[in-house]
Protein backbone atom coordinates (compact mmCIF):
# COMPACT_ATOMS: atom_id res chain seq x y z
CA MET A 1 118.92 109.35 102.67
CA SER A 2 121.11 108.95 105.70
CA LEU A 3 120.53 107.73 109.21
CA ASP A 4 120.25 110.39 111.89
CA VAL A 5 122.98 109.13 114.22
CA SER A 6 123.26 110.87 117.57
CA ALA A 7 126.68 112.07 118.70
CA ASP A 8 126.53 109.59 121.59
CA LEU A 9 125.76 106.63 119.32
CA LEU A 10 128.46 107.67 116.86
CA ASP A 11 130.99 108.02 119.69
CA ARG A 12 130.14 104.55 121.00
CA ALA A 13 130.36 103.10 117.48
CA GLU A 14 133.81 104.60 117.09
CA ARG A 15 134.89 102.90 120.33
CA GLY A 16 133.37 99.47 119.66
CA ALA A 17 130.36 97.39 118.83
CA ILE A 18 126.79 98.64 118.96
CA THR A 19 123.90 96.36 119.90
CA ASP A 20 121.19 95.48 117.43
CA ALA A 21 118.69 97.23 119.72
CA GLU A 22 120.64 100.49 119.55
CA PHE A 23 120.99 100.22 115.79
CA ILE A 24 117.31 99.37 115.28
CA ALA A 25 116.28 102.35 117.44
CA CYS A 26 118.38 104.60 115.20
CA VAL A 27 116.77 103.11 112.08
CA ARG A 28 113.25 103.45 113.52
CA GLU A 29 113.82 107.12 114.38
CA SER A 30 115.67 107.97 111.15
CA LEU A 31 113.42 106.16 108.68
CA PRO A 32 109.89 106.35 110.13
CA TYR A 33 108.06 105.70 106.87
CA ALA A 34 110.16 102.62 106.09
CA TRP A 35 109.68 101.43 109.68
CA MET A 36 105.91 101.85 109.37
CA VAL A 37 105.71 99.92 106.08
CA ILE A 38 107.87 97.06 107.27
CA SER A 39 106.14 96.88 110.66
CA SER A 40 102.77 96.77 108.91
CA VAL A 41 103.84 93.98 106.57
CA VAL A 42 105.20 91.97 109.51
CA THR A 43 101.96 92.53 111.45
CA ASP A 44 100.00 91.27 108.44
CA LEU A 45 102.24 88.22 108.23
CA ASP A 46 101.89 87.50 111.94
CA SER A 47 98.10 87.76 111.80
CA GLY A 48 97.68 85.10 109.14
CA THR A 49 98.99 81.79 107.95
CA ALA A 50 100.30 82.74 104.50
CA GLU A 51 103.98 82.26 103.66
CA PHE A 52 104.36 86.00 103.14
CA ALA A 53 102.68 89.38 103.36
CA ASP A 54 103.48 92.37 101.19
CA ASN A 55 102.90 96.06 100.68
CA THR A 56 101.77 97.25 97.24
CA THR A 57 100.90 100.86 98.07
CA PRO A 58 103.28 103.40 96.54
CA PRO A 59 104.94 105.81 98.98
CA PRO A 60 103.12 109.15 99.30
CA SER A 61 106.25 111.21 98.59
CA GLU A 62 109.74 110.95 97.15
CA ALA A 63 111.19 111.37 100.65
CA ASP A 64 109.18 108.37 101.82
CA ARG A 65 110.29 106.39 98.77
CA GLY A 66 113.87 107.30 99.63
CA GLN A 67 113.45 105.96 103.16
CA LEU A 68 112.18 102.64 101.89
CA LEU A 69 114.97 102.36 99.36
CA ARG A 70 117.56 103.27 102.01
CA ALA A 71 116.27 100.68 104.45
CA LEU A 72 116.21 97.85 101.94
CA ALA A 73 119.34 98.72 99.94
CA SER A 74 121.63 98.63 102.98
CA ASP A 75 122.78 95.17 104.02
CA ALA A 76 123.23 96.36 107.62
CA ILE A 77 119.79 97.97 107.87
CA ARG A 78 117.97 95.20 106.07
CA GLY A 79 119.76 92.55 108.12
CA GLY A 80 119.01 94.39 111.34
CA LEU A 81 115.34 94.65 110.45
CA GLU A 82 115.19 90.97 109.53
CA ARG A 83 116.75 89.96 112.85
CA HIS A 84 114.52 92.34 114.79
CA PHE A 85 111.28 91.14 113.21
CA GLY A 86 112.32 87.50 112.65
CA VAL A 87 111.50 87.55 108.94
CA LYS A 88 113.17 87.53 105.54
CA LEU A 89 112.51 90.79 103.68
CA SER A 90 112.26 90.88 99.90
CA PHE A 91 111.94 93.92 97.69
CA GLN A 92 110.78 94.12 94.07
CA ASN A 93 110.43 97.79 93.21
CA CYS A 94 110.06 101.22 94.76
CA HIS A 95 107.37 100.02 97.14
CA ARG A 96 106.66 96.29 96.96
CA VAL A 97 108.14 94.98 100.17
CA ALA A 98 107.40 91.47 101.35
CA ALA A 99 108.06 89.75 104.64
CA PHE A 100 108.47 85.99 104.47
CA ARG A 101 108.39 83.54 107.31
CA PRO A 102 111.87 82.03 107.74
CA SER A 103 110.37 78.60 107.02
CA ALA A 104 109.19 79.86 103.60
CA VAL A 105 112.59 81.05 102.37
CA ASP A 106 113.21 77.85 100.40
CA SER A 107 109.63 77.58 99.16
CA ASP A 108 108.37 77.83 95.59
CA THR A 109 106.49 81.00 96.60
CA TYR A 110 109.66 82.69 97.82
CA ARG A 111 111.71 81.59 94.82
CA GLU A 112 108.99 82.91 92.48
CA PHE A 113 108.82 86.25 94.32
CA ILE A 114 112.57 86.84 94.05
CA SER A 115 112.89 85.45 90.52
CA VAL A 116 113.64 87.42 87.38
CA ARG A 117 110.16 86.44 86.13
CA GLY A 118 108.59 87.75 89.35
CA GLN A 119 110.46 91.01 88.97
CA LEU A 120 109.34 91.48 85.37
CA LEU A 121 105.72 90.61 86.13
CA ASN A 122 105.68 93.22 88.90
CA GLN A 123 106.44 96.08 86.52
CA SER A 124 104.00 98.51 84.99
CA PRO A 125 104.27 101.79 83.04
CA GLU A 126 103.33 103.86 86.11
CA LEU A 127 106.23 102.34 88.07
CA ARG A 128 108.83 103.04 85.38
CA ASP A 129 110.28 106.10 87.14
CA CYS A 130 109.96 104.92 90.71
């Protein structure tokens, strides 16, 4: 899964730095399913008081799963999304994405979510091939 980078954006990247806004626009247009999931999780976080909000719905297709994996596996994309939304993103499997408030990053809840134990407890036979 690759980003759909316009010739203009690529040319400008070859000549120098690109702004976060330009990069985020490219991500939003290239990975619409991932953008929708992450936006939704951030909206859920913003509408409540919990330390985090997460998505537990599996992607509807392999292409959508690929978008989510691409967005969260890339340091540049993930970092850009975190800066854009003002959150810390965490990822446990092919679809469980969580957005944490920056103030929660050192909390017990965050440490449990990103722990080896948390990863193992989030597995199930139906997720084995995701």
